[in-house]
Amino acid sequence: MRITGGSHGRRQLRAPPKGTRPTQDKVRAAIFSSLAALVPDSRALDLFAGTGAMGLEAWSRGAAWVEWVENDRNALRALRENIQNLHVPAEAGRVRAGEVFGLLARACSGAPFDLVFSDPPYEEAIAGDWQGKLAQALAGNGWVAPGGIWVYETEGARPAPEFSGWVLLRDKTYGATRVFIRQFRPE
């Protein structure tokens, strides 16, 4: 697994031995190819960060600030090691150790984010309406800026639900992974 583009393209990333399912390099490259004009100088939020690959990819491609949110101890260790190995400066981002929905239940304490990435463990995703809860929390608690982009992954067979205030821009399947790109347009 590696960074696919930007200033740190081709740099290797560490993954924990088990418990995470990082976004494949080719899928990540395709996502960032479609977002190329939106990444520079953006604020990015990487939820269920795992190895941090999505946020690190955004940073490598010019994002001004990245926040990673992860709850798993082994994934956090790999995430912090990846940030250190890529020499991400402290003023370019931070890691939040904790549960995603607990964090998003509170109002955003800083500026809202332009890009949000979420790829929860499939077992957690299947357990309930995580997409709807996440869409509501991001929009309702000020985590995403108007016009902001939310990229999320699911298993390929899951339907594309509708969310108030979120416009579907892209729905693409890569093998068993389905990627949705939505834009926040408050009503």
C-alpha atoms as a PDB file:
ATOM      1  CA  MET A   1       0.000   0.000   0.000  1.00  0.00           C
ATOM      2  CA  ARG A   2       1.344   3.409  -0.961  1.00  0.00           C
ATOM      3  CA  ILE A   3       0.476   7.054  -1.575  1.00  0.00           C
ATOM      4  CA  THR A   4      -0.604   7.303  -5.222  1.00  0.00           C
ATOM      5  CA  GLY A   5       0.078  10.953  -6.021  1.00  0.00           C
ATOM      6  CA  GLY A   6       1.203  14.378  -4.934  1.00  0.00           C
ATOM      7  CA  SER A   7       4.389  15.385  -3.135  1.00  0.00           C
ATOM      8  CA  HIS A   8       4.728  12.004  -1.421  1.00  0.00           C
ATOM      9  CA  GLY A   9       3.551   9.781  -4.284  1.00  0.00           C
ATOM     10  CA  ARG A  10       4.869   6.206  -4.188  1.00  0.00           C
ATOM     11  CA  ARG A  11       5.751   6.391  -0.484  1.00  0.00           C
ATOM     12  CA  GLN A  12       4.839   3.185   1.317  1.00  0.00           C
ATOM     13  CA  LEU A  13       2.259   3.074   4.114  1.00  0.00           C
ATOM     14  CA  ARG A  14       2.203   0.650   7.014  1.00  0.00           C
ATOM     15  CA  ALA A  15      -0.959  -1.332   7.761  1.00  0.00           C
ATOM     16  CA  PRO A  16      -1.726  -3.178  10.993  1.00  0.00           C
ATOM     17  CA  PRO A  17      -1.518  -6.974  10.679  1.00  0.00           C
ATOM     18  CA  LYS A  18      -5.307  -7.391  10.895  1.00  0.00           C
ATOM     19  CA  GLY A  19      -8.531  -5.558  11.612  1.00  0.00           C
ATOM     20  CA  THR A  20      -8.413  -2.933   8.857  1.00  0.00           C
ATOM     21  CA  ARG A  21      -9.342  -2.958   5.193  1.00  0.00           C
ATOM     22  CA  PRO A  22      -7.464  -0.041   3.618  1.00  0.00           C
ATOM     23  CA  THR A  23      -8.789   1.475   0.426  1.00  0.00           C
ATOM     24  CA  GLN A  24      -6.947  -0.130  -2.482  1.00  0.00           C
ATOM     25  CA  ASP A  25      -4.356   2.033  -4.223  1.00  0.00           C
ATOM     26  CA  LYS A  26      -6.190   1.951  -7.570  1.00  0.00           C
ATOM     27  CA  VAL A  27      -9.493   2.966  -5.937  1.00  0.00           C
ATOM     28  CA  ARG A  28      -7.822   5.779  -4.001  1.00  0.00           C
ATOM     29  CA  ALA A  29      -6.088   6.996  -7.180  1.00  0.00           C
ATOM     30  CA  ALA A  30      -9.426   7.051  -9.030  1.00  0.00           C
ATOM     31  CA  ILE A  31     -11.150   8.939  -6.201  1.00  0.00           C
ATOM     32  CA  PHE A  32      -8.437  11.577  -6.023  1.00  0.00           C
ATOM     33  CA  SER A  33      -8.303  11.891  -9.792  1.00  0.00           C
ATOM     34  CA  SER A  34     -11.966  12.915  -9.741  1.00  0.00           C
ATOM     35  CA  LEU A  35     -11.366  15.337  -6.828  1.00  0.00           C
ATOM     36  CA  ALA A  36      -8.091  16.813  -8.147  1.00  0.00           C
ATOM     37  CA  ALA A  37      -9.269  20.424  -8.359  1.00  0.00           C
ATOM     38  CA  LEU A  38     -10.861  20.336  -4.892  1.00  0.00           C
ATOM     39  CA  VAL A  39      -7.978  18.999  -2.798  1.00  0.00           C
ATOM     40  CA  PRO A  40      -5.382  21.824  -2.786  1.00  0.00           C
ATOM     41  CA  ASP A  41      -5.747  24.074   0.293  1.00  0.00           C
ATOM     42  CA  SER A  42      -8.755  22.091   1.531  1.00  0.00           C
ATOM     43  CA  ARG A  43      -9.597  20.915   5.050  1.00  0.00           C
ATOM     44  CA  ALA A  44     -10.044  17.130   5.053  1.00  0.00           C
ATOM     45  CA  LEU A  45     -11.601  14.791   7.621  1.00  0.00           C
ATOM     46  CA  ASP A  46     -10.714  11.081   7.472  1.00  0.00           C
ATOM     47  CA  LEU A  47     -13.274   9.090   9.503  1.00  0.00           C
ATOM     48  CA  PHE A  48     -12.689   5.437  10.431  1.00  0.00           C
ATOM     49  CA  ALA A  49      -9.177   6.360   9.291  1.00  0.00           C
ATOM     50  CA  GLY A  50      -7.460   3.002   9.739  1.00  0.00           C
ATOM     51  CA  THR A  51      -4.006   3.477   8.209  1.00  0.00           C
ATOM     52  CA  GLY A  52      -4.839   7.104   7.398  1.00  0.00           C
ATOM     53  CA  ALA A  53      -4.366   6.492   3.678  1.00  0.00           C
ATOM     54  CA  MET A  54      -7.216   8.745   2.519  1.00  0.00           C
ATOM     55  CA  GLY A  55      -6.150  11.692   4.670  1.00  0.00           C
ATOM     56  CA  LEU A  56      -2.477  11.172   3.852  1.00  0.00           C
ATOM     57  CA  GLU A  57      -3.337  11.063   0.160  1.00  0.00           C
ATOM     58  CA  ALA A  58      -5.217  14.366   0.545  1.00  0.00           C
ATOM     59  CA  TRP A  59      -2.262  15.910   2.399  1.00  0.00           C
ATOM     60  CA  SER A  60       0.215  14.662  -0.227  1.00  0.00           C
ATOM     61  CA  ARG A  61      -1.947  16.280  -2.902  1.00  0.00           C
ATOM     62  CA  GLY A  62      -2.066  19.670  -1.173  1.00  0.00           C
ATOM     63  CA  ALA A  63      -4.745  19.660   1.534  1.00  0.00           C
ATOM     64  CA  ALA A  64      -3.933  22.386   4.072  1.00  0.00           C
ATOM     65  CA  TRP A  65      -5.295  20.521   7.119  1.00  0.00           C
ATOM     66  CA  VAL A  66      -6.259  16.904   7.778  1.00  0.00           C
ATOM     67  CA  GLU A  67      -7.899  15.327  10.813  1.00  0.00           C
ATOM     68  CA  TRP A  68      -7.919  11.570  11.234  1.00  0.00           C
ATOM     69  CA  VAL A  69     -10.441   9.840  13.517  1.00  0.00           C
ATOM     70  CA  GLU A  70      -9.806   6.240  14.535  1.00  0.00           C
ATOM     71  CA  ASN A  71     -10.850   4.055  17.464  1.00  0.00           C
ATOM     72  CA  ASP A  72      -8.837   0.849  17.003  1.00  0.00           C
ATOM     73  CA  ARG A  73      -5.572   0.739  18.975  1.00  0.00           C
ATOM     74  CA  ASN A  74      -3.603  -1.201  16.324  1.00  0.00           C
ATOM     75  CA  ALA A  75      -4.858   1.019  13.519  1.00  0.00           C
ATOM     76  CA  LEU A  76      -3.963   4.121  15.555  1.00  0.00           C
ATOM     77  CA  ARG A  77      -0.425   2.841  15.967  1.00  0.00           C
ATOM     78  CA  ALA A  78      -0.081   2.319  12.188  1.00  0.00           C
ATOM     79  CA  LEU A  79      -1.732   5.680  11.460  1.00  0.00           C
ATOM     80  CA  ARG A  80       0.639   7.582  13.748  1.00  0.00           C
ATOM     81  CA  GLU A  81       3.628   5.734  12.285  1.00  0.00           C
ATOM     82  CA  ASN A  82       2.520   6.633   8.739  1.00  0.00           C
ATOM     83  CA  ILE A  83       2.114  10.299   9.700  1.00  0.00           C
ATOM     84  CA  GLN A  84       5.573  10.295  11.271  1.00  0.00           C
ATOM     85  CA  ASN A  85       7.211   8.460   8.348  1.00  0.00           C
ATOM     86  CA  LEU A  86       5.766  10.959   5.862  1.00  0.00           C
ATOM     87  CA  HIS A  87       6.864  13.887   8.056  1.00  0.00           C
ATOM     88  CA  VAL A  88       3.405  15.467   8.237  1.00  0.00           C
ATOM     89  CA  PRO A  89       3.985  18.674  10.236  1.00  0.00           C
ATOM     90  CA  ALA A  90       1.905  19.294  13.365  1.00  0.00           C
ATOM     91  CA  GLU A  91       0.397  22.406  11.794  1.00  0.00           C
ATOM     92  CA  ALA A  92      -0.978  20.280   8.913  1.00  0.00           C
ATOM     93  CA  GLY A  93      -3.198  17.949  10.915  1.00  0.00           C
ATOM     94  CA  ARG A  94      -4.032  15.929  13.984  1.00  0.00           C
ATOM     95  CA  VAL A  95      -5.230  12.508  15.061  1.00  0.00           C
ATOM     96  CA  ARG A  96      -8.346  12.091  17.184  1.00  0.00           C
ATOM     97  CA  ALA A  97      -8.457   8.778  19.015  1.00  0.00           C
ATOM     98  CA  GLY A  98     -12.087   7.905  19.585  1.00  0.00           C
ATOM     99  CA  GLU A  99     -15.385   6.710  18.251  1.00  0.00           C
ATOM    100  CA  VAL A 100     -16.572   8.537  15.120  1.00  0.00           C
ATOM    101  CA  PHE A 101     -20.234   8.918  16.043  1.00  0.00           C
ATOM    102  CA  GLY A 102     -19.347  10.144  19.539  1.00  0.00           C
ATOM    103  CA  LEU A 103     -17.188  12.886  18.036  1.00  0.00           C
ATOM    104  CA  LEU A 104     -19.695  13.888  15.362  1.00  0.00           C
ATOM    105  CA  ALA A 105     -22.537  14.079  17.901  1.00  0.00           C
ATOM    106  CA  ARG A 106     -20.951  17.316  19.128  1.00  0.00           C
ATOM    107  CA  ALA A 107     -20.810  20.543  17.158  1.00  0.00           C
ATOM    108  CA  CYS A 108     -17.644  21.049  15.135  1.00  0.00           C
ATOM    109  CA  SER A 109     -15.301  23.223  17.198  1.00  0.00           C
ATOM    110  CA  GLY A 110     -13.297  24.605  14.270  1.00  0.00           C
ATOM    111  CA  ALA A 111     -13.854  25.527  10.659  1.00  0.00           C
ATOM    112  CA  PRO A 112     -15.975  23.015   8.739  1.00  0.00           C
ATOM    113  CA  PHE A 113     -14.319  20.523   6.403  1.00  0.00           C
ATOM    114  CA  ASP A 114     -14.272  20.685   2.605  1.00  0.00           C
ATOM    115  CA  LEU A 115     -13.604  16.955   2.134  1.00  0.00           C
ATOM    116  CA  VAL A 116     -14.825  14.070   4.276  1.00  0.00           C
ATOM    117  CA  PHE A 117     -13.763  10.458   3.766  1.00  0.00           C
ATOM    118  CA  SER A 118     -15.432   7.528   5.517  1.00  0.00           C
ATOM    119  CA  ASP A 119     -14.826   3.827   5.146  1.00  0.00           C
ATOM    120  CA  PRO A 120     -16.096   2.020   8.252  1.00  0.00           C
ATOM    121  CA  PRO A 121     -15.497  -1.670   8.812  1.00  0.00           C
ATOM    122  CA  TYR A 122     -18.056  -3.507   6.694  1.00  0.00           C
ATOM    123  CA  GLU A 123     -19.387  -5.357   9.751  1.00  0.00           C
ATOM    124  CA  GLU A 124     -20.185  -2.014  11.399  1.00  0.00           C
ATOM    125  CA  ALA A 125     -21.652  -0.641   8.189  1.00  0.00           C
ATOM    126  CA  ILE A 126     -23.999  -3.595   7.836  1.00  0.00           C
ATOM    127  CA  ALA A 127     -25.154  -3.315  11.459  1.00  0.00           C
ATOM    128  CA  GLY A 128     -27.269  -0.203  10.898  1.00  0.00           C
ATOM    129  CA  ASP A 129     -27.946   2.987   9.009  1.00  0.00           C
ATOM    130  CA  TRP A 130     -24.437   4.410   9.420  1.00  0.00           C
ATOM    131  CA  GLN A 131     -24.687   6.375   6.167  1.00  0.00           C
ATOM    132  CA  GLY A 132     -27.848   8.182   7.236  1.00  0.00           C
ATOM    133  CA  LYS A 133     -26.500   8.872  10.724  1.00  0.00           C
ATOM    134  CA  LEU A 134     -23.239  10.147   9.303  1.00  0.00           C
ATOM    135  CA  ALA A 135     -24.949  12.340   6.678  1.00  0.00           C
ATOM    136  CA  GLN A 136     -27.120  13.895   9.374  1.00  0.00           C
ATOM    137  CA  ALA A 137     -24.261  14.433  11.849  1.00  0.00           C
ATOM    138  CA  LEU A 138     -21.918  15.955   9.261  1.00  0.00           C
ATOM    139  CA  ALA A 139     -24.558  18.385   8.001  1.00  0.00           C
ATOM    140  CA  GLY A 140     -26.407  19.086  11.236  1.00  0.00           C
ATOM    141  CA  ASN A 141     -23.432  19.677  13.505  1.00  0.00           C
ATOM    142  CA  GLY A 142     -21.362  21.881  11.212  1.00  0.00           C
ATOM    143  CA  TRP A 143     -18.671  19.362  10.271  1.00  0.00           C
ATOM    144  CA  VAL A 144     -18.917  19.940   6.515  1.00  0.00           C
ATOM    145  CA  ALA A 145     -18.900  23.257   4.657  1.00  0.00           C
ATOM    146  CA  PRO A 146     -21.649  24.096   2.165  1.00  0.00           C
ATOM    147  CA  GLY A 147     -20.447  22.648  -1.139  1.00  0.00           C
ATOM    148  CA  GLY A 148     -18.236  20.201   0.754  1.00  0.00           C
ATOM    149  CA  ILE A 149     -17.647  16.697  -0.567  1.00  0.00           C
ATOM    150  CA  TRP A 150     -18.275  13.416   1.250  1.00  0.00           C
ATOM    151  CA  VAL A 151     -16.650  10.266  -0.149  1.00  0.00           C
ATOM    152  CA  TYR A 152     -17.709   6.969   1.375  1.00  0.00           C
ATOM    153  CA  GLU A 153     -17.264   3.297   0.636  1.00  0.00           C
ATOM    154  CA  THR A 154     -19.615   0.342   1.065  1.00  0.00           C
ATOM    155  CA  GLU A 155     -19.902  -3.193  -0.168  1.00  0.00           C
ATOM    156  CA  GLY A 156     -20.795  -3.244  -3.850  1.00  0.00           C
ATOM    157  CA  ALA A 157     -24.321  -4.603  -3.497  1.00  0.00           C
ATOM    158  CA  ARG A 158     -25.680  -1.937  -1.147  1.00  0.00           C
ATOM    159  CA  PRO A 159     -28.260   0.489  -2.588  1.00  0.00           C
ATOM    160  CA  ALA A 160     -27.658   4.243  -2.875  1.00  0.00           C
ATOM    161  CA  PRO A 161     -29.933   5.896  -0.311  1.00  0.00           C
ATOM    162  CA  GLU A 162     -30.986   9.537  -0.493  1.00  0.00           C
ATOM    163  CA  PHE A 163     -29.986  12.020   2.219  1.00  0.00           C
ATOM    164  CA  SER A 164     -31.484  15.456   2.765  1.00  0.00           C
ATOM    165  CA  GLY A 165     -29.050  18.156   1.680  1.00  0.00           C
ATOM    166  CA  TRP A 166     -26.667  15.726  -0.060  1.00  0.00           C
ATOM    167  CA  VAL A 167     -26.502  15.481  -3.865  1.00  0.00           C
ATOM    168  CA  LEU A 168     -25.073  12.304  -5.387  1.00  0.00           C
ATOM    169  CA  LEU A 169     -22.256  13.237  -7.784  1.00  0.00           C
ATOM    170  CA  ARG A 170     -20.769   9.815  -8.430  1.00  0.00           C
ATOM    171  CA  ASP A 171     -21.547   6.152  -7.780  1.00  0.00           C
ATOM    172  CA  LYS A 172     -18.813   3.804  -8.980  1.00  0.00           C
ATOM    173  CA  THR A 173     -18.062   0.146  -8.269  1.00  0.00           C
ATOM    174  CA  TYR A 174     -14.507  -1.218  -8.124  1.00  0.00           C
ATOM    175  CA  GLY A 175     -14.701  -4.994  -7.686  1.00  0.00           C
ATOM    176  CA  ALA A 176     -16.450  -5.580  -4.341  1.00  0.00           C
ATOM    177  CA  THR A 177     -16.115  -1.914  -3.297  1.00  0.00           C
ATOM    178  CA  ARG A 178     -18.677   0.734  -4.122  1.00  0.00           C
ATOM    179  CA  VAL A 179     -17.670   4.392  -3.814  1.00  0.00           C
ATOM    180  CA  PHE A 180     -20.134   7.251  -3.487  1.00  0.00           C
ATOM    181  CA  ILE A 181     -19.219  10.916  -3.853  1.00  0.00           C
ATOM    182  CA  ARG A 182     -21.779  13.415  -2.568  1.00  0.00           C
ATOM    183  CA  GLN A 183     -21.859  17.184  -2.260  1.00  0.00           C
ATOM    184  CA  PHE A 184     -23.449  19.015   0.652  1.00  0.00           C
ATOM    185  CA  ARG A 185     -26.002  21.527  -0.567  1.00  0.00           C
ATOM    186  CA  PRO A 186     -27.969  22.805   2.428  1.00  0.00           C
ATOM    187  CA  GLU A 187     -31.627  23.375   1.756  1.00  0.00           C
END
